[in-house]
Amino acid sequence: MCFESDSSPPIPAISGAAVSHRDLVLQASDGNRLAAFTASPDEPRGPGLVVLPDVRGLYHFYEELALRLAERGYAAVAIDYFGRTAGQEKRDDGFEYMPHVEQTTQTGIQSDVAAAVGYLRSPEGGERAAIFTLGFCFGGRNSWLAAASGHGLAGAIGFYGRPGTGRDGSPGPTARAAELAAPILALMGGDDPGIPVEDVEAFDEALDDAGVEHEVIVYPGAPHSFFDRKHEEFAAASEDAWGRVIEFIERYG
């Protein structure tokens, strides 16, 4: 998994920000019903973000992240991946997620992303014109692949996603670079044993070759899942990464 159950985003809350939030259930075009959490500023302005969690699906880390985004003027919807196999109910820390991860498909995930994008573009979701995806680990990879899935994104942001071939042999963002129809931001750990720097460099080169606007940042010495309030030794990397996320949203939104 990407984060431990007691992890939190290393982002300061903005005291006094007027934000609304709630749980909801979205319906994808194939009929799947998926759990989601939405947070939005009370003032209807700014772009929207679809937040794509790590392999554990929707849990409190991503709900808190959605709140921090809303405090900064963005509408955010964090989605779950497992509506087709685990239903829409809240889950505890003992949830065995890997059997459900293994049953996900790119078609299903991107159908669910489309449901979240549609929500953000609807009157209920604030009619956001510019939509970004923001994902972590499993969600980082799926965030970049969302740019190749016809959602009309303004940009796709991923923290330490796997850019190469998937464990199931499916082509990843590197192989599909020419299909990525939105600017890309990749924020990677330089000491991530699961994602060699060579794979990150190959992704960067593929984006160059495809003419995709992009920024690929590697934080030397940072591990997978460095973006965590508990990892005080990587606070500077986390602060820089968060600043780049905001700057990217402001530039392309």
C-alpha atoms as a PDB file:
ATOM      1  CA  MET A   1       0.000   0.000   0.000  1.00  0.00           C
ATOM      2  CA  CYS A   2       1.017   3.602  -0.397  1.00  0.00           C
ATOM      3  CA  PHE A   3       0.162   5.147   2.979  1.00  0.00           C
ATOM      4  CA  GLU A   4      -0.389   3.670   6.436  1.00  0.00           C
ATOM      5  CA  SER A   5      -3.799   3.973   8.052  1.00  0.00           C
ATOM      6  CA  ASP A   6      -2.695   6.863  10.301  1.00  0.00           C
ATOM      7  CA  SER A   7      -1.030   8.875   7.512  1.00  0.00           C
ATOM      8  CA  SER A   8      -2.179  12.377   6.582  1.00  0.00           C
ATOM      9  CA  PRO A   9      -1.380  14.772   3.750  1.00  0.00           C
ATOM     10  CA  PRO A  10       1.468  17.139   4.742  1.00  0.00           C
ATOM     11  CA  ILE A  11      -0.627  20.187   3.863  1.00  0.00           C
ATOM     12  CA  PRO A  12      -1.584  22.875   6.393  1.00  0.00           C
ATOM     13  CA  ALA A  13      -5.283  23.530   6.837  1.00  0.00           C
ATOM     14  CA  ILE A  14      -6.490  27.049   6.062  1.00  0.00           C
ATOM     15  CA  SER A  15      -8.313  28.295   9.139  1.00  0.00           C
ATOM     16  CA  GLY A  16     -11.669  29.891   8.436  1.00  0.00           C
ATOM     17  CA  ALA A  17     -11.999  28.638   4.858  1.00  0.00           C
ATOM     18  CA  ALA A  18     -15.652  28.198   3.884  1.00  0.00           C
ATOM     19  CA  VAL A  19     -15.888  24.607   2.634  1.00  0.00           C
ATOM     20  CA  SER A  20     -18.710  22.113   2.179  1.00  0.00           C
ATOM     21  CA  HIS A  21     -18.172  18.348   2.085  1.00  0.00           C
ATOM     22  CA  ARG A  22     -20.139  15.122   1.992  1.00  0.00           C
ATOM     23  CA  ASP A  23     -20.107  11.460   1.032  1.00  0.00           C
ATOM     24  CA  LEU A  24     -21.868  10.543  -2.180  1.00  0.00           C
ATOM     25  CA  VAL A  25     -22.390   7.646  -4.561  1.00  0.00           C
ATOM     26  CA  LEU A  26     -21.706   8.167  -8.256  1.00  0.00           C
ATOM     27  CA  GLN A  27     -22.942   6.017 -11.108  1.00  0.00           C
ATOM     28  CA  ALA A  28     -20.701   5.152 -14.058  1.00  0.00           C
ATOM     29  CA  SER A  29     -21.937   4.649 -17.610  1.00  0.00           C
ATOM     30  CA  ASP A  30     -21.767   0.858 -17.224  1.00  0.00           C
ATOM     31  CA  GLY A  31     -24.114   1.020 -14.223  1.00  0.00           C
ATOM     32  CA  ASN A  32     -21.424   0.662 -11.560  1.00  0.00           C
ATOM     33  CA  ARG A  33     -22.141   2.580  -8.368  1.00  0.00           C
ATOM     34  CA  LEU A  34     -19.029   3.825  -6.591  1.00  0.00           C
ATOM     35  CA  ALA A  35     -18.350   5.557  -3.300  1.00  0.00           C
ATOM     36  CA  ALA A  36     -16.925   9.068  -3.418  1.00  0.00           C
ATOM     37  CA  PHE A  37     -16.210  12.013  -1.138  1.00  0.00           C
ATOM     38  CA  THR A  38     -16.622  15.559  -2.355  1.00  0.00           C
ATOM     39  CA  ALA A  39     -15.398  18.853  -0.926  1.00  0.00           C
ATOM     40  CA  SER A  40     -15.858  22.279  -2.458  1.00  0.00           C
ATOM     41  CA  PRO A  41     -15.410  25.931  -1.570  1.00  0.00           C
ATOM     42  CA  ASP A  42     -18.612  27.785  -0.805  1.00  0.00           C
ATOM     43  CA  GLU A  43     -17.591  30.354  -3.425  1.00  0.00           C
ATOM     44  CA  PRO A  44     -18.110  28.741  -6.868  1.00  0.00           C
ATOM     45  CA  ARG A  45     -14.772  29.410  -8.526  1.00  0.00           C
ATOM     46  CA  GLY A  46     -11.676  27.600  -9.727  1.00  0.00           C
ATOM     47  CA  PRO A  47     -11.167  24.229 -11.403  1.00  0.00           C
ATOM     48  CA  GLY A  48     -12.175  20.774 -10.216  1.00  0.00           C
ATOM     49  CA  LEU A  49     -10.023  17.764  -9.340  1.00  0.00           C
ATOM     50  CA  VAL A  50     -10.716  14.052  -9.414  1.00  0.00           C
ATOM     51  CA  VAL A  51      -8.573  12.481  -6.690  1.00  0.00           C
ATOM     52  CA  LEU A  52      -7.406   8.918  -7.420  1.00  0.00           C
ATOM     53  CA  PRO A  53      -6.280   7.004  -4.309  1.00  0.00           C
ATOM     54  CA  ASP A  54      -3.642   4.345  -3.872  1.00  0.00           C
ATOM     55  CA  VAL A  55      -4.409   0.612  -3.900  1.00  0.00           C
ATOM     56  CA  ARG A  56      -6.519   0.795  -0.721  1.00  0.00           C
ATOM     57  CA  GLY A  57      -9.171   2.852  -2.445  1.00  0.00           C
ATOM     58  CA  LEU A  58     -11.072   5.638  -0.737  1.00  0.00           C
ATOM     59  CA  TYR A  59     -10.125   6.279   2.885  1.00  0.00           C
ATOM     60  CA  HIS A  60      -9.472   9.220   5.186  1.00  0.00           C
ATOM     61  CA  PHE A  61      -6.119  10.341   3.682  1.00  0.00           C
ATOM     62  CA  TYR A  62      -7.885  11.211   0.428  1.00  0.00           C
ATOM     63  CA  GLU A  63     -10.904  12.719   2.127  1.00  0.00           C
ATOM     64  CA  GLU A  64      -8.562  15.055   4.000  1.00  0.00           C
ATOM     65  CA  LEU A  65      -6.718  15.826   0.757  1.00  0.00           C
ATOM     66  CA  ALA A  66     -10.022  16.791  -0.871  1.00  0.00           C
ATOM     67  CA  LEU A  67     -10.699  19.167   2.031  1.00  0.00           C
ATOM     68  CA  ARG A  68      -7.274  20.808   1.691  1.00  0.00           C
ATOM     69  CA  LEU A  69      -7.922  21.325  -2.035  1.00  0.00           C
ATOM     70  CA  ALA A  70     -11.330  22.859  -1.350  1.00  0.00           C
ATOM     71  CA  GLU A  71      -9.792  25.286   1.147  1.00  0.00           C
ATOM     72  CA  ARG A  72      -7.674  26.553  -1.727  1.00  0.00           C
ATOM     73  CA  GLY A  73     -10.668  27.211  -3.962  1.00  0.00           C
ATOM     74  CA  TYR A  74     -10.864  23.934  -5.889  1.00  0.00           C
ATOM     75  CA  ALA A  75     -13.749  21.467  -6.012  1.00  0.00           C
ATOM     76  CA  ALA A  76     -12.501  17.926  -5.393  1.00  0.00           C
ATOM     77  CA  VAL A  77     -14.012  14.463  -5.676  1.00  0.00           C
ATOM     78  CA  ALA A  78     -12.050  11.506  -4.287  1.00  0.00           C
ATOM     79  CA  ILE A  79     -13.304   8.204  -5.696  1.00  0.00           C
ATOM     80  CA  ASP A  80     -13.168   4.545  -4.749  1.00  0.00           C
ATOM     81  CA  TYR A  81     -12.162   1.757  -7.167  1.00  0.00           C
ATOM     82  CA  PHE A  82     -14.080  -1.183  -5.771  1.00  0.00           C
ATOM     83  CA  GLY A  83     -17.778  -0.530  -6.300  1.00  0.00           C
ATOM     84  CA  ARG A  84     -18.018  -3.505  -8.649  1.00  0.00           C
ATOM     85  CA  THR A  85     -16.576  -5.972  -6.134  1.00  0.00           C
ATOM     86  CA  ALA A  86     -16.938  -4.489  -2.628  1.00  0.00           C
ATOM     87  CA  GLY A  87     -19.956  -2.164  -2.790  1.00  0.00           C
ATOM     88  CA  GLN A  88     -20.184   1.425  -1.595  1.00  0.00           C
ATOM     89  CA  GLU A  89     -19.990   1.080   2.182  1.00  0.00           C
ATOM     90  CA  LYS A  90     -17.288   2.635   4.386  1.00  0.00           C
ATOM     91  CA  ARG A  91     -14.500   0.169   5.253  1.00  0.00           C
ATOM     92  CA  ASP A  92     -12.234  -0.234   8.238  1.00  0.00           C
ATOM     93  CA  ASP A  93      -8.442  -0.561   8.276  1.00  0.00           C
ATOM     94  CA  GLY A  94      -8.698  -4.347   8.019  1.00  0.00           C
ATOM     95  CA  PHE A  95     -10.142  -4.261   4.496  1.00  0.00           C
ATOM     96  CA  GLU A  96      -8.346  -6.788   2.260  1.00  0.00           C
ATOM     97  CA  TYR A  97      -7.911  -4.586  -0.778  1.00  0.00           C
ATOM     98  CA  MET A  98      -5.555  -6.572  -3.011  1.00  0.00           C
ATOM     99  CA  PRO A  99      -8.134  -9.143  -4.232  1.00  0.00           C
ATOM    100  CA  HIS A 100     -10.227  -6.176  -5.341  1.00  0.00           C
ATOM    101  CA  VAL A 101      -7.273  -4.360  -6.948  1.00  0.00           C
ATOM    102  CA  GLU A 102      -6.596  -7.488  -8.999  1.00  0.00           C
ATOM    103  CA  GLN A 103     -10.142  -7.360 -10.374  1.00  0.00           C
ATOM    104  CA  THR A 104      -9.949  -3.751 -11.557  1.00  0.00           C
ATOM    105  CA  THR A 105      -9.601  -2.969 -15.244  1.00  0.00           C
ATOM    106  CA  GLN A 106      -8.543   0.166 -17.080  1.00  0.00           C
ATOM    107  CA  THR A 107     -11.972   0.287 -18.709  1.00  0.00           C
ATOM    108  CA  GLY A 108     -13.702   0.168 -15.335  1.00  0.00           C
ATOM    109  CA  ILE A 109     -11.406   2.674 -13.646  1.00  0.00           C
ATOM    110  CA  GLN A 110     -11.706   5.196 -16.466  1.00  0.00           C
ATOM    111  CA  SER A 111     -15.481   4.738 -16.533  1.00  0.00           C
ATOM    112  CA  ASP A 112     -15.495   5.685 -12.853  1.00  0.00           C
ATOM    113  CA  VAL A 113     -13.201   8.653 -13.516  1.00  0.00           C
ATOM    114  CA  ALA A 114     -15.664   9.778 -16.204  1.00  0.00           C
ATOM    115  CA  ALA A 115     -18.476   9.680 -13.630  1.00  0.00           C
ATOM    116  CA  ALA A 116     -16.470  11.951 -11.310  1.00  0.00           C
ATOM    117  CA  VAL A 117     -15.572  14.314 -14.165  1.00  0.00           C
ATOM    118  CA  GLY A 118     -19.256  14.457 -15.124  1.00  0.00           C
ATOM    119  CA  TYR A 119     -20.198  15.276 -11.538  1.00  0.00           C
ATOM    120  CA  LEU A 120     -17.731  18.177 -11.383  1.00  0.00           C
ATOM    121  CA  ARG A 121     -19.097  19.537 -14.673  1.00  0.00           C
ATOM    122  CA  SER A 122     -22.709  19.255 -13.519  1.00  0.00           C
ATOM    123  CA  PRO A 123     -24.656  21.995 -11.663  1.00  0.00           C
ATOM    124  CA  GLU A 124     -24.517  19.831  -8.526  1.00  0.00           C
ATOM    125  CA  GLY A 125     -20.723  19.662  -8.761  1.00  0.00           C
ATOM    126  CA  GLY A 126     -20.261  23.372  -9.442  1.00  0.00           C
ATOM    127  CA  GLU A 127     -20.057  23.342 -13.259  1.00  0.00           C
ATOM    128  CA  ARG A 128     -16.268  23.318 -13.242  1.00  0.00           C
ATOM    129  CA  ALA A 129     -14.873  23.995 -16.711  1.00  0.00           C
ATOM    130  CA  ALA A 130     -11.272  22.876 -16.123  1.00  0.00           C
ATOM    131  CA  ILE A 131     -10.843  19.389 -14.629  1.00  0.00           C
ATOM    132  CA  PHE A 132      -7.617  17.773 -13.424  1.00  0.00           C
ATOM    133  CA  THR A 133      -6.838  14.322 -12.101  1.00  0.00           C
ATOM    134  CA  LEU A 134      -4.544  13.910  -9.091  1.00  0.00           C
ATOM    135  CA  GLY A 135      -3.416  10.433  -8.095  1.00  0.00           C
ATOM    136  CA  PHE A 136      -1.003   8.585  -5.835  1.00  0.00           C
ATOM    137  CA  CYS A 137       0.808   5.289  -6.518  1.00  0.00           C
ATOM    138  CA  PHE A 138      -1.822   3.113  -8.286  1.00  0.00           C
ATOM    139  CA  GLY A 139      -3.783   6.346  -8.639  1.00  0.00           C
ATOM    140  CA  GLY A 140      -0.793   8.223 -10.060  1.00  0.00           C
ATOM    141  CA  ARG A 141      -0.543   5.765 -12.923  1.00  0.00           C
ATOM    142  CA  ASN A 142      -4.298   5.925 -13.473  1.00  0.00           C
ATOM    143  CA  SER A 143      -4.231   9.723 -13.331  1.00  0.00           C
ATOM    144  CA  TRP A 144      -1.772   9.863 -16.237  1.00  0.00           C
ATOM    145  CA  LEU A 145      -3.734   7.228 -18.156  1.00  0.00           C
ATOM    146  CA  ALA A 146      -6.860   9.332 -17.643  1.00  0.00           C
ATOM    147  CA  ALA A 147      -5.246  11.850 -20.007  1.00  0.00           C
ATOM    148  CA  ALA A 148      -5.514   9.169 -22.719  1.00  0.00           C
ATOM    149  CA  SER A 149      -9.139   8.312 -21.976  1.00  0.00           C
ATOM    150  CA  GLY A 150     -11.176  11.061 -23.577  1.00  0.00           C
ATOM    151  CA  HIS A 151     -12.139  13.013 -20.451  1.00  0.00           C
ATOM    152  CA  GLY A 152     -11.077  16.398 -21.820  1.00  0.00           C
ATOM    153  CA  LEU A 153      -8.740  17.049 -18.900  1.00  0.00           C
ATOM    154  CA  ALA A 154      -6.874  20.291 -18.287  1.00  0.00           C
ATOM    155  CA  GLY A 155      -4.014  18.291 -16.768  1.00  0.00           C
ATOM    156  CA  ALA A 156      -3.053  15.018 -15.067  1.00  0.00           C
ATOM    157  CA  ILE A 157      -0.930  14.916 -11.892  1.00  0.00           C
ATOM    158  CA  GLY A 158       0.638  11.794 -10.420  1.00  0.00           C
ATOM    159  CA  PHE A 159       2.728  11.099  -7.342  1.00  0.00           C
ATOM    160  CA  TYR A 160       5.009   8.044  -7.683  1.00  0.00           C
ATOM    161  CA  GLY A 161       2.881   6.216 -10.225  1.00  0.00           C
ATOM    162  CA  ARG A 162       4.355   3.299 -12.153  1.00  0.00           C
ATOM    163  CA  PRO A 163       4.930   4.609 -15.707  1.00  0.00           C
ATOM    164  CA  GLY A 164       6.049   1.357 -17.320  1.00  0.00           C
ATOM    165  CA  THR A 165       4.262  -1.839 -18.252  1.00  0.00           C
ATOM    166  CA  GLY A 166       1.645  -2.943 -15.746  1.00  0.00           C
ATOM    167  CA  ARG A 167       1.910  -6.101 -13.676  1.00  0.00           C
ATOM    168  CA  ASP A 168      -0.764  -7.558 -15.956  1.00  0.00           C
ATOM    169  CA  GLY A 169       1.287  -6.713 -19.035  1.00  0.00           C
ATOM    170  CA  SER A 170      -0.854  -3.718 -20.010  1.00  0.00           C
ATOM    171  CA  PRO A 171       0.889  -0.728 -21.624  1.00  0.00           C
ATOM    172  CA  GLY A 172       1.565   2.096 -19.195  1.00  0.00           C
ATOM    173  CA  PRO A 173       1.871   5.872 -19.565  1.00  0.00           C
ATOM    174  CA  THR A 174       5.325   5.576 -21.137  1.00  0.00           C
ATOM    175  CA  ALA A 175       4.117   3.321 -23.942  1.00  0.00           C
ATOM    176  CA  ARG A 176       0.982   5.438 -24.369  1.00  0.00           C
ATOM    177  CA  ALA A 177       2.714   8.823 -24.193  1.00  0.00           C
ATOM    178  CA  ALA A 178       1.514   9.850 -27.655  1.00  0.00           C
ATOM    179  CA  GLU A 179      -2.095   9.332 -26.488  1.00  0.00           C
ATOM    180  CA  LEU A 180      -1.814  11.618 -23.451  1.00  0.00           C
ATOM    181  CA  ALA A 181      -3.973  14.578 -24.433  1.00  0.00           C
ATOM    182  CA  ALA A 182      -3.249  16.858 -21.449  1.00  0.00           C
ATOM    183  CA  PRO A 183      -0.235  18.356 -19.669  1.00  0.00           C
ATOM    184  CA  ILE A 184       1.444  15.942 -17.269  1.00  0.00           C
ATOM    185  CA  LEU A 185       3.018  16.511 -13.839  1.00  0.00           C
ATOM    186  CA  ALA A 186       4.969  13.598 -12.307  1.00  0.00           C
ATOM    187  CA  LEU A 187       6.379  13.797  -8.768  1.00  0.00           C
ATOM    188  CA  MET A 188       8.644  10.861  -8.019  1.00  0.00           C
ATOM    189  CA  GLY A 189      10.848   9.500  -5.244  1.00  0.00           C
ATOM    190  CA  GLY A 190      14.503   9.070  -6.157  1.00  0.00           C
ATOM    191  CA  ASP A 191      14.856   6.130  -3.745  1.00  0.00           C
ATOM    192  CA  ASP A 192      11.714   4.205  -4.730  1.00  0.00           C
ATOM    193  CA  PRO A 193      12.681   0.528  -5.102  1.00  0.00           C
ATOM    194  CA  GLY A 194       9.492  -0.259  -6.983  1.00  0.00           C
ATOM    195  CA  ILE A 195       9.993   2.446  -9.619  1.00  0.00           C
ATOM    196  CA  PRO A 196      13.615   2.669 -10.802  1.00  0.00           C
ATOM    197  CA  VAL A 197      14.864   6.095 -11.845  1.00  0.00           C
ATOM    198  CA  GLU A 198      15.543   4.590 -15.273  1.00  0.00           C
ATOM    199  CA  ASP A 199      11.782   4.021 -15.693  1.00  0.00           C
ATOM    200  CA  VAL A 200      11.106   7.628 -14.729  1.00  0.00           C
ATOM    201  CA  GLU A 201      13.691   8.874 -17.206  1.00  0.00           C
ATOM    202  CA  ALA A 202      12.126   6.722 -19.944  1.00  0.00           C
ATOM    203  CA  PHE A 203       8.734   8.302 -19.177  1.00  0.00           C
ATOM    204  CA  ASP A 204      10.242  11.789 -19.380  1.00  0.00           C
ATOM    205  CA  GLU A 205      11.880  10.962 -22.724  1.00  0.00           C
ATOM    206  CA  ALA A 206       8.676   9.450 -24.130  1.00  0.00           C
ATOM    207  CA  LEU A 207       6.758  12.612 -23.224  1.00  0.00           C
ATOM    208  CA  ASP A 208       9.476  14.684 -24.911  1.00  0.00           C
ATOM    209  CA  ASP A 209       9.260  12.565 -28.045  1.00  0.00           C
ATOM    210  CA  ALA A 210       5.454  12.773 -28.092  1.00  0.00           C
ATOM    211  CA  GLY A 211       5.464  16.563 -27.681  1.00  0.00           C
ATOM    212  CA  VAL A 212       3.380  16.404 -24.489  1.00  0.00           C
ATOM    213  CA  GLU A 213       3.717  19.376 -22.136  1.00  0.00           C
ATOM    214  CA  HIS A 214       5.121  17.940 -18.952  1.00  0.00           C
ATOM    215  CA  GLU A 215       7.218  18.280 -15.845  1.00  0.00           C
ATOM    216  CA  VAL A 216       8.856  15.218 -14.288  1.00  0.00           C
ATOM    217  CA  ILE A 217      10.407  15.876 -10.875  1.00  0.00           C
ATOM    218  CA  VAL A 218      12.538  13.358  -8.976  1.00  0.00           C
ATOM    219  CA  TYR A 219      13.286  14.015  -5.294  1.00  0.00           C
ATOM    220  CA  PRO A 220      16.724  12.502  -4.485  1.00  0.00           C
ATOM    221  CA  GLY A 221      16.640  10.125  -1.531  1.00  0.00           C
ATOM    222  CA  ALA A 222      12.848  10.255  -1.201  1.00  0.00           C
ATOM    223  CA  PRO A 223      11.048   6.902  -0.954  1.00  0.00           C
ATOM    224  CA  HIS A 224       7.746   5.799  -2.352  1.00  0.00           C
ATOM    225  CA  SER A 225       4.912   7.561  -0.464  1.00  0.00           C
ATOM    226  CA  PHE A 226       7.147  10.356   0.829  1.00  0.00           C
ATOM    227  CA  PHE A 227       4.178  12.754   0.731  1.00  0.00           C
ATOM    228  CA  ASP A 228       3.094  12.031   4.297  1.00  0.00           C
ATOM    229  CA  ARG A 229       2.950  14.251   7.379  1.00  0.00           C
ATOM    230  CA  LYS A 230       4.710  11.529   9.374  1.00  0.00           C
ATOM    231  CA  HIS A 231       7.796  11.658   7.130  1.00  0.00           C
ATOM    232  CA  GLU A 232       9.254  14.789   8.666  1.00  0.00           C
ATOM    233  CA  GLU A 233      12.634  14.113   7.045  1.00  0.00           C
ATOM    234  CA  PHE A 234      10.995  14.620   3.650  1.00  0.00           C
ATOM    235  CA  ALA A 235       9.018  17.719   4.618  1.00  0.00           C
ATOM    236  CA  ALA A 236      10.974  19.897   2.188  1.00  0.00           C
ATOM    237  CA  ALA A 237      10.278  17.522  -0.705  1.00  0.00           C
ATOM    238  CA  SER A 238       6.595  17.412   0.230  1.00  0.00           C
ATOM    239  CA  GLU A 239       6.355  21.185   0.460  1.00  0.00           C
ATOM    240  CA  ASP A 240       8.019  21.582  -2.918  1.00  0.00           C
ATOM    241  CA  ALA A 241       5.781  18.930  -4.489  1.00  0.00           C
ATOM    242  CA  TRP A 242       2.607  20.538  -3.134  1.00  0.00           C
ATOM    243  CA  GLY A 243       3.745  23.927  -4.418  1.00  0.00           C
ATOM    244  CA  ARG A 244       4.259  22.405  -7.862  1.00  0.00           C
ATOM    245  CA  VAL A 245       0.769  20.872  -7.760  1.00  0.00           C
ATOM    246  CA  ILE A 246      -0.808  24.254  -7.028  1.00  0.00           C
ATOM    247  CA  GLU A 247       1.311  26.020  -9.625  1.00  0.00           C
ATOM    248  CA  PHE A 248       0.386  23.402 -12.253  1.00  0.00           C
ATOM    249  CA  ILE A 249      -3.337  23.767 -11.509  1.00  0.00           C
ATOM    250  CA  GLU A 250      -3.125  27.546 -11.652  1.00  0.00           C
ATOM    251  CA  ARG A 251      -1.123  27.492 -14.893  1.00  0.00           C
ATOM    252  CA  TYR A 252      -3.421  25.156 -16.807  1.00  0.00           C
ATOM    253  CA  GLY A 253      -6.734  25.796 -15.068  1.00  0.00           C
END
